[in-house]
Amino acid sequence: MNKSKPKILILFYSMYGHTYKMARAVAEGVREAGGIPILMIVKELMPEKYWDESVKKAKDLMKDIPVADPRTDFSEFDGFIVGTPTRYGNMVSQMRNFWDQTGDAWLKGTFIGKPASVFTSSATQHGGQETTIISTMLTLVHQGFVYVGLPYKFQEQMRIDEITGGSPYGASTITGGMGERMPSENELQLARHLGRHHTEIAIKLRVELETLEKASELSEIGKETSNPHV
């Protein structure tokens, strides 16, 4: 068995910092489960001349995070956790732009059998969080990912004593109409749960894959040794 720690890519986009803060909490969960979180951000498409002071401040916080190249060989990663704000019930165009350029990876089957999860944010409680996660899931399934949600055993998503994001589809946060609300501790905890649960699944999938590959190798060796003409 490969004893190295699983590498989990946390690929996200954030304009005002909400998704970034969730991404950092997801990374904490990955570490708690024994994984190595790698944060990458997708390319910004909005011209800088349209950035207000809040956007500039958030971008400055994320300036050291590498921008993901969709043509990179992502085979080294054991899992992918995607973070995208909601835009009319869908992923943001910046994230869509990234996945639309992964045709080579799709042809090679780079992502087949790897676990994927999604977290998101929206301005209001019913602003399309679940549809954003589900519609993003469709893209990931086309790539061959195995989707990993957030089971109800993580009961923070069932709270009714406060407004909170979170669903069995993935972690989420509510930002407020002007972006004035940052993720609550409950929402950050759900993000940690997602990172930890995803990494645990990634480890199990890797062990199973290695077992199957070993069994296949032994089978081929057995065929060769039993063939008198070899």
C-alpha atoms as a PDB file:
ATOM      1  CA  MET A   1       0.000   0.000   0.000  1.00  0.00           C
ATOM      2  CA  ASN A   2       1.162   3.528  -0.791  1.00  0.00           C
ATOM      3  CA  LYS A   3       1.864   5.138   2.578  1.00  0.00           C
ATOM      4  CA  SER A   4       2.169   8.692   1.247  1.00  0.00           C
ATOM      5  CA  LYS A   5      -0.418  11.212   2.297  1.00  0.00           C
ATOM      6  CA  PRO A   6      -3.193  11.837  -0.235  1.00  0.00           C
ATOM      7  CA  LYS A   7      -2.976  15.139  -2.094  1.00  0.00           C
ATOM      8  CA  ILE A   8      -6.307  16.930  -2.333  1.00  0.00           C
ATOM      9  CA  LEU A   9      -6.721  19.851  -4.715  1.00  0.00           C
ATOM     10  CA  ILE A  10      -9.029  22.596  -3.449  1.00  0.00           C
ATOM     11  CA  LEU A  11      -9.895  24.473  -6.629  1.00  0.00           C
ATOM     12  CA  PHE A  12     -11.936  27.601  -6.048  1.00  0.00           C
ATOM     13  CA  TYR A  13     -12.972  31.072  -7.116  1.00  0.00           C
ATOM     14  CA  SER A  14     -13.679  33.914  -4.720  1.00  0.00           C
ATOM     15  CA  MET A  15     -14.536  37.548  -5.387  1.00  0.00           C
ATOM     16  CA  TYR A  16     -15.132  38.970  -1.917  1.00  0.00           C
ATOM     17  CA  GLY A  17     -13.353  36.344   0.181  1.00  0.00           C
ATOM     18  CA  HIS A  18     -16.288  34.223   1.362  1.00  0.00           C
ATOM     19  CA  THR A  19     -15.422  31.173  -0.726  1.00  0.00           C
ATOM     20  CA  TYR A  20     -11.747  31.654   0.122  1.00  0.00           C
ATOM     21  CA  LYS A  21     -12.516  31.497   3.833  1.00  0.00           C
ATOM     22  CA  MET A  22     -14.537  28.326   3.274  1.00  0.00           C
ATOM     23  CA  ALA A  23     -11.657  26.888   1.223  1.00  0.00           C
ATOM     24  CA  ARG A  24      -9.288  27.424   4.135  1.00  0.00           C
ATOM     25  CA  ALA A  25     -11.685  25.585   6.448  1.00  0.00           C
ATOM     26  CA  VAL A  26     -11.953  22.740   3.923  1.00  0.00           C
ATOM     27  CA  ALA A  27      -8.151  22.569   3.945  1.00  0.00           C
ATOM     28  CA  GLU A  28      -8.188  22.225   7.736  1.00  0.00           C
ATOM     29  CA  GLY A  29     -10.471  19.213   7.397  1.00  0.00           C
ATOM     30  CA  VAL A  30      -8.197  17.650   4.792  1.00  0.00           C
ATOM     31  CA  ARG A  31      -5.245  17.970   7.169  1.00  0.00           C
ATOM     32  CA  GLU A  32      -7.258  16.511  10.060  1.00  0.00           C
ATOM     33  CA  ALA A  33      -7.865  13.387   7.953  1.00  0.00           C
ATOM     34  CA  GLY A  34      -4.181  13.027   7.123  1.00  0.00           C
ATOM     35  CA  GLY A  35      -4.208  14.605   3.686  1.00  0.00           C
ATOM     36  CA  ILE A  36      -2.207  17.357   2.024  1.00  0.00           C
ATOM     37  CA  PRO A  37      -4.449  20.224   0.856  1.00  0.00           C
ATOM     38  CA  ILE A  38      -3.322  22.189  -2.192  1.00  0.00           C
ATOM     39  CA  LEU A  39      -5.196  25.452  -2.801  1.00  0.00           C
ATOM     40  CA  MET A  40      -5.477  26.807  -6.329  1.00  0.00           C
ATOM     41  CA  ILE A  41      -7.681  29.558  -7.698  1.00  0.00           C
ATOM     42  CA  VAL A  42      -9.125  29.764 -11.206  1.00  0.00           C
ATOM     43  CA  LYS A  43      -8.317  32.659 -13.501  1.00  0.00           C
ATOM     44  CA  GLU A  44     -10.148  35.951 -12.961  1.00  0.00           C
ATOM     45  CA  LEU A  45     -12.158  37.140 -15.972  1.00  0.00           C
ATOM     46  CA  MET A  46     -13.548  40.406 -14.652  1.00  0.00           C
ATOM     47  CA  PRO A  47     -11.402  43.400 -15.711  1.00  0.00           C
ATOM     48  CA  GLU A  48      -9.627  45.018 -12.783  1.00  0.00           C
ATOM     49  CA  LYS A  49     -11.139  48.411 -13.613  1.00  0.00           C
ATOM     50  CA  TYR A  50     -14.470  47.070 -12.329  1.00  0.00           C
ATOM     51  CA  TRP A  51     -13.113  45.927  -8.955  1.00  0.00           C
ATOM     52  CA  ASP A  52     -14.408  47.883  -5.981  1.00  0.00           C
ATOM     53  CA  GLU A  53     -12.441  48.263  -2.752  1.00  0.00           C
ATOM     54  CA  SER A  54     -13.935  45.098  -1.234  1.00  0.00           C
ATOM     55  CA  VAL A  55     -12.860  43.030  -4.233  1.00  0.00           C
ATOM     56  CA  LYS A  56      -9.375  44.556  -4.200  1.00  0.00           C
ATOM     57  CA  LYS A  57      -8.990  43.757  -0.522  1.00  0.00           C
ATOM     58  CA  ALA A  58     -10.061  40.134  -1.044  1.00  0.00           C
ATOM     59  CA  LYS A  59      -7.821  39.704  -4.076  1.00  0.00           C
ATOM     60  CA  ASP A  60      -4.878  40.977  -2.066  1.00  0.00           C
ATOM     61  CA  LEU A  61      -5.497  38.269   0.545  1.00  0.00           C
ATOM     62  CA  MET A  62      -5.381  35.619  -2.188  1.00  0.00           C
ATOM     63  CA  LYS A  63      -2.470  37.014  -4.178  1.00  0.00           C
ATOM     64  CA  ASP A  64      -0.078  34.199  -3.225  1.00  0.00           C
ATOM     65  CA  ILE A  65      -2.430  31.385  -4.229  1.00  0.00           C
ATOM     66  CA  PRO A  66      -1.378  29.904  -7.589  1.00  0.00           C
ATOM     67  CA  VAL A  67      -3.744  30.194 -10.548  1.00  0.00           C
ATOM     68  CA  ALA A  68      -4.703  26.781 -11.886  1.00  0.00           C
ATOM     69  CA  ASP A  69      -3.850  25.969 -15.486  1.00  0.00           C
ATOM     70  CA  PRO A  70      -6.612  23.734 -16.932  1.00  0.00           C
ATOM     71  CA  ARG A  71      -4.035  22.037 -19.172  1.00  0.00           C
ATOM     72  CA  THR A  72      -1.952  20.868 -16.216  1.00  0.00           C
ATOM     73  CA  ASP A  73      -1.536  17.143 -15.590  1.00  0.00           C
ATOM     74  CA  PHE A  74      -3.707  16.678 -12.495  1.00  0.00           C
ATOM     75  CA  SER A  75      -3.042  12.941 -12.164  1.00  0.00           C
ATOM     76  CA  GLU A  76      -0.939  13.478  -9.016  1.00  0.00           C
ATOM     77  CA  PHE A  77      -4.005  14.504  -7.012  1.00  0.00           C
ATOM     78  CA  ASP A  78      -6.086  11.938  -5.139  1.00  0.00           C
ATOM     79  CA  GLY A  79      -9.173  14.122  -4.807  1.00  0.00           C
ATOM     80  CA  PHE A  80     -10.722  17.399  -5.968  1.00  0.00           C
ATOM     81  CA  ILE A  81     -12.844  19.784  -3.903  1.00  0.00           C
ATOM     82  CA  VAL A  82     -14.368  22.576  -5.954  1.00  0.00           C
ATOM     83  CA  GLY A  83     -15.486  25.881  -4.441  1.00  0.00           C
ATOM     84  CA  THR A  84     -17.631  28.256  -6.483  1.00  0.00           C
ATOM     85  CA  PRO A  85     -19.974  31.092  -5.582  1.00  0.00           C
ATOM     86  CA  THR A  86     -23.516  30.954  -6.960  1.00  0.00           C
ATOM     87  CA  ARG A  87     -24.489  32.955 -10.024  1.00  0.00           C
ATOM     88  CA  TYR A  88     -28.163  32.490 -10.844  1.00  0.00           C
ATOM     89  CA  GLY A  89     -28.124  28.911  -9.590  1.00  0.00           C
ATOM     90  CA  ASN A  90     -24.935  27.917 -11.400  1.00  0.00           C
ATOM     91  CA  MET A  91     -21.166  28.026 -10.967  1.00  0.00           C
ATOM     92  CA  VAL A  92     -19.484  31.330 -11.748  1.00  0.00           C
ATOM     93  CA  SER A  93     -18.185  31.948 -15.281  1.00  0.00           C
ATOM     94  CA  GLN A  94     -14.595  31.871 -14.031  1.00  0.00           C
ATOM     95  CA  MET A  95     -15.064  28.279 -12.853  1.00  0.00           C
ATOM     96  CA  ARG A  96     -16.985  27.353 -16.006  1.00  0.00           C
ATOM     97  CA  ASN A  97     -14.123  28.757 -18.076  1.00  0.00           C
ATOM     98  CA  PHE A  98     -11.688  26.455 -16.285  1.00  0.00           C
ATOM     99  CA  TRP A  99     -13.669  23.259 -16.856  1.00  0.00           C
ATOM    100  CA  ASP A 100     -14.406  24.164 -20.463  1.00  0.00           C
ATOM    101  CA  GLN A 101     -10.657  23.941 -21.108  1.00  0.00           C
ATOM    102  CA  THR A 102     -10.147  20.453 -19.647  1.00  0.00           C
ATOM    103  CA  GLY A 103     -10.916  18.549 -22.836  1.00  0.00           C
ATOM    104  CA  ASP A 104      -7.480  16.903 -22.896  1.00  0.00           C
ATOM    105  CA  ALA A 105      -7.944  15.589 -19.355  1.00  0.00           C
ATOM    106  CA  TRP A 106     -11.386  14.286 -20.330  1.00  0.00           C
ATOM    107  CA  LEU A 107      -9.941  12.453 -23.346  1.00  0.00           C
ATOM    108  CA  LYS A 108      -7.192  10.894 -21.214  1.00  0.00           C
ATOM    109  CA  GLY A 109      -9.609   9.942 -18.425  1.00  0.00           C
ATOM    110  CA  THR A 110      -7.416  11.760 -15.913  1.00  0.00           C
ATOM    111  CA  PHE A 111     -10.190  12.229 -13.364  1.00  0.00           C
ATOM    112  CA  ILE A 112     -11.930   8.868 -13.676  1.00  0.00           C
ATOM    113  CA  GLY A 113     -12.423   7.218 -10.304  1.00  0.00           C
ATOM    114  CA  LYS A 114     -11.196  10.172  -8.255  1.00  0.00           C
ATOM    115  CA  PRO A 115     -13.482  11.658  -5.582  1.00  0.00           C
ATOM    116  CA  ALA A 116     -14.902  15.154  -6.037  1.00  0.00           C
ATOM    117  CA  SER A 117     -16.892  17.457  -3.754  1.00  0.00           C
ATOM    118  CA  VAL A 118     -18.333  20.964  -4.029  1.00  0.00           C
ATOM    119  CA  PHE A 119     -18.853  23.905  -1.678  1.00  0.00           C
ATOM    120  CA  THR A 120     -20.528  27.182  -2.528  1.00  0.00           C
ATOM    121  CA  SER A 121     -21.912  30.519  -1.349  1.00  0.00           C
ATOM    122  CA  SER A 122     -24.927  32.630  -2.184  1.00  0.00           C
ATOM    123  CA  ALA A 123     -26.267  36.004  -1.129  1.00  0.00           C
ATOM    124  CA  THR A 124     -29.483  34.643   0.393  1.00  0.00           C
ATOM    125  CA  GLN A 125     -30.589  31.485   2.130  1.00  0.00           C
ATOM    126  CA  HIS A 126     -32.522  30.312  -0.933  1.00  0.00           C
ATOM    127  CA  GLY A 127     -30.249  31.862  -3.547  1.00  0.00           C
ATOM    128  CA  GLY A 128     -29.434  28.695  -5.478  1.00  0.00           C
ATOM    129  CA  GLN A 129     -26.886  26.944  -3.252  1.00  0.00           C
ATOM    130  CA  GLU A 130     -28.179  23.449  -3.931  1.00  0.00           C
ATOM    131  CA  THR A 131     -28.682  23.965  -7.674  1.00  0.00           C
ATOM    132  CA  THR A 132     -25.161  25.336  -7.968  1.00  0.00           C
ATOM    133  CA  ILE A 133     -23.705  22.272  -6.282  1.00  0.00           C
ATOM    134  CA  ILE A 134     -25.859  19.874  -8.320  1.00  0.00           C
ATOM    135  CA  SER A 135     -25.157  21.593 -11.647  1.00  0.00           C
ATOM    136  CA  THR A 136     -21.441  21.586 -10.845  1.00  0.00           C
ATOM    137  CA  MET A 137     -21.764  17.916  -9.991  1.00  0.00           C
ATOM    138  CA  LEU A 138     -22.961  17.236 -13.551  1.00  0.00           C
ATOM    139  CA  THR A 139     -19.698  18.578 -14.968  1.00  0.00           C
ATOM    140  CA  LEU A 140     -17.670  16.511 -12.507  1.00  0.00           C
ATOM    141  CA  VAL A 141     -19.568  13.310 -13.288  1.00  0.00           C
ATOM    142  CA  HIS A 142     -18.954  13.832 -17.013  1.00  0.00           C
ATOM    143  CA  GLN A 143     -15.241  13.909 -16.153  1.00  0.00           C
ATOM    144  CA  GLY A 144     -15.543  10.544 -14.398  1.00  0.00           C
ATOM    145  CA  PHE A 145     -15.288  11.762 -10.809  1.00  0.00           C
ATOM    146  CA  VAL A 146     -16.962   9.871  -7.968  1.00  0.00           C
ATOM    147  CA  TYR A 147     -19.075  12.438  -6.146  1.00  0.00           C
ATOM    148  CA  VAL A 148     -18.743  12.787  -2.370  1.00  0.00           C
ATOM    149  CA  GLY A 149     -21.413  14.770  -0.552  1.00  0.00           C
ATOM    150  CA  LEU A 150     -21.901  15.748   3.075  1.00  0.00           C
ATOM    151  CA  PRO A 151     -23.953  13.051   4.860  1.00  0.00           C
ATOM    152  CA  TYR A 152     -26.486  13.925   7.521  1.00  0.00           C
ATOM    153  CA  LYS A 153     -24.183  12.460  10.156  1.00  0.00           C
ATOM    154  CA  PHE A 154     -22.719  15.964  10.092  1.00  0.00           C
ATOM    155  CA  GLN A 155     -25.700  17.348  11.933  1.00  0.00           C
ATOM    156  CA  GLU A 156     -24.626  20.988  11.914  1.00  0.00           C
ATOM    157  CA  GLN A 157     -26.484  21.265   8.607  1.00  0.00           C
ATOM    158  CA  MET A 158     -29.738  20.404  10.425  1.00  0.00           C
ATOM    159  CA  ARG A 159     -29.688  23.353  12.833  1.00  0.00           C
ATOM    160  CA  ILE A 160     -32.794  25.509  12.970  1.00  0.00           C
ATOM    161  CA  ASP A 161     -31.721  27.882  15.719  1.00  0.00           C
ATOM    162  CA  GLU A 162     -29.739  30.028  13.282  1.00  0.00           C
ATOM    163  CA  ILE A 163     -29.553  30.772   9.572  1.00  0.00           C
ATOM    164  CA  THR A 164     -26.950  28.502   8.067  1.00  0.00           C
ATOM    165  CA  GLY A 165     -25.791  26.945   4.834  1.00  0.00           C
ATOM    166  CA  GLY A 166     -25.039  23.285   4.343  1.00  0.00           C
ATOM    167  CA  SER A 167     -26.859  20.377   2.712  1.00  0.00           C
ATOM    168  CA  PRO A 168     -26.221  16.703   1.955  1.00  0.00           C
ATOM    169  CA  TYR A 169     -24.820  17.883  -1.389  1.00  0.00           C
ATOM    170  CA  GLY A 170     -21.991  19.918   0.125  1.00  0.00           C
ATOM    171  CA  ALA A 171     -20.952  22.779   2.396  1.00  0.00           C
ATOM    172  CA  SER A 172     -22.165  26.324   1.778  1.00  0.00           C
ATOM    173  CA  THR A 173     -22.389  29.777   3.280  1.00  0.00           C
ATOM    174  CA  ILE A 174     -24.709  32.784   3.048  1.00  0.00           C
ATOM    175  CA  THR A 175     -23.003  36.075   2.262  1.00  0.00           C
ATOM    176  CA  GLY A 176     -25.756  38.689   2.472  1.00  0.00           C
ATOM    177  CA  GLY A 177     -26.914  40.868  -0.391  1.00  0.00           C
ATOM    178  CA  MET A 178     -23.894  43.168  -0.134  1.00  0.00           C
ATOM    179  CA  GLY A 179     -21.406  40.518   0.916  1.00  0.00           C
ATOM    180  CA  GLU A 180     -21.548  41.769   4.479  1.00  0.00           C
ATOM    181  CA  ARG A 181     -21.857  38.349   6.131  1.00  0.00           C
ATOM    182  CA  MET A 182     -18.771  36.146   6.408  1.00  0.00           C
ATOM    183  CA  PRO A 183     -19.107  32.372   7.024  1.00  0.00           C
ATOM    184  CA  SER A 184     -20.404  31.526  10.478  1.00  0.00           C
ATOM    185  CA  GLU A 185     -18.583  29.088  12.730  1.00  0.00           C
ATOM    186  CA  ASN A 186     -21.265  26.505  11.962  1.00  0.00           C
ATOM    187  CA  GLU A 187     -20.683  26.882   8.221  1.00  0.00           C
ATOM    188  CA  LEU A 188     -16.916  26.712   8.662  1.00  0.00           C
ATOM    189  CA  GLN A 189     -17.361  23.522  10.667  1.00  0.00           C
ATOM    190  CA  LEU A 190     -19.368  22.037   7.802  1.00  0.00           C
ATOM    191  CA  ALA A 191     -16.535  22.981   5.439  1.00  0.00           C
ATOM    192  CA  ARG A 192     -14.064  21.198   7.728  1.00  0.00           C
ATOM    193  CA  HIS A 193     -16.330  18.156   7.789  1.00  0.00           C
ATOM    194  CA  LEU A 194     -16.408  18.154   3.993  1.00  0.00           C
ATOM    195  CA  GLY A 195     -12.617  18.284   3.746  1.00  0.00           C
ATOM    196  CA  ARG A 196     -12.189  15.511   6.289  1.00  0.00           C
ATOM    197  CA  HIS A 197     -14.914  13.240   4.867  1.00  0.00           C
ATOM    198  CA  HIS A 198     -13.662  13.714   1.306  1.00  0.00           C
ATOM    199  CA  THR A 199     -10.093  12.825   2.298  1.00  0.00           C
ATOM    200  CA  GLU A 200     -11.218   9.704   4.146  1.00  0.00           C
ATOM    201  CA  ILE A 201     -13.047   8.564   1.009  1.00  0.00           C
ATOM    202  CA  ALA A 202     -10.012   9.411  -1.146  1.00  0.00           C
ATOM    203  CA  ILE A 203      -7.827   7.200   1.043  1.00  0.00           C
ATOM    204  CA  LYS A 204     -10.283   4.295   0.810  1.00  0.00           C
ATOM    205  CA  LEU A 205     -10.556   4.629  -2.968  1.00  0.00           C
ATOM    206  CA  ARG A 206      -6.779   4.696  -3.353  1.00  0.00           C
ATOM    207  CA  VAL A 207      -6.366   1.576  -1.229  1.00  0.00           C
ATOM    208  CA  GLU A 208      -9.040  -0.222  -3.250  1.00  0.00           C
ATOM    209  CA  LEU A 209      -7.452   0.828  -6.549  1.00  0.00           C
ATOM    210  CA  GLU A 210      -4.021  -0.320  -5.431  1.00  0.00           C
ATOM    211  CA  THR A 211      -5.497  -3.650  -4.318  1.00  0.00           C
ATOM    212  CA  LEU A 212      -7.166  -4.155  -7.687  1.00  0.00           C
ATOM    213  CA  GLU A 213      -3.988  -3.229  -9.570  1.00  0.00           C
ATOM    214  CA  LYS A 214      -1.957  -5.657  -7.441  1.00  0.00           C
ATOM    215  CA  ALA A 215      -4.475  -8.432  -8.047  1.00  0.00           C
ATOM    216  CA  SER A 216      -4.325  -7.751 -11.792  1.00  0.00           C
ATOM    217  CA  GLU A 217      -0.517  -7.923 -11.768  1.00  0.00           C
ATOM    218  CA  LEU A 218      -0.558 -11.219  -9.875  1.00  0.00           C
ATOM    219  CA  SER A 219      -3.114 -12.593 -12.308  1.00  0.00           C
ATOM    220  CA  GLU A 220      -0.923 -11.707 -15.284  1.00  0.00           C
ATOM    221  CA  ILE A 221       2.116 -13.284 -13.595  1.00  0.00           C
ATOM    222  CA  GLY A 222       0.071 -16.404 -12.963  1.00  0.00           C
ATOM    223  CA  LYS A 223      -0.895 -16.643 -16.629  1.00  0.00           C
ATOM    224  CA  GLU A 224       2.729 -16.303 -17.723  1.00  0.00           C
ATOM    225  CA  THR A 225       4.075 -18.942 -15.329  1.00  0.00           C
ATOM    226  CA  SER A 226       1.350 -21.413 -16.302  1.00  0.00           C
ATOM    227  CA  ASN A 227       2.073 -21.029 -20.015  1.00  0.00           C
ATOM    228  CA  PRO A 228       4.629 -23.712 -21.053  1.00  0.00           C
ATOM    229  CA  HIS A 229       5.686 -21.636 -24.064  1.00  0.00           C
ATOM    230  CA  VAL A 230       6.849 -18.664 -21.987  1.00  0.00           C
END
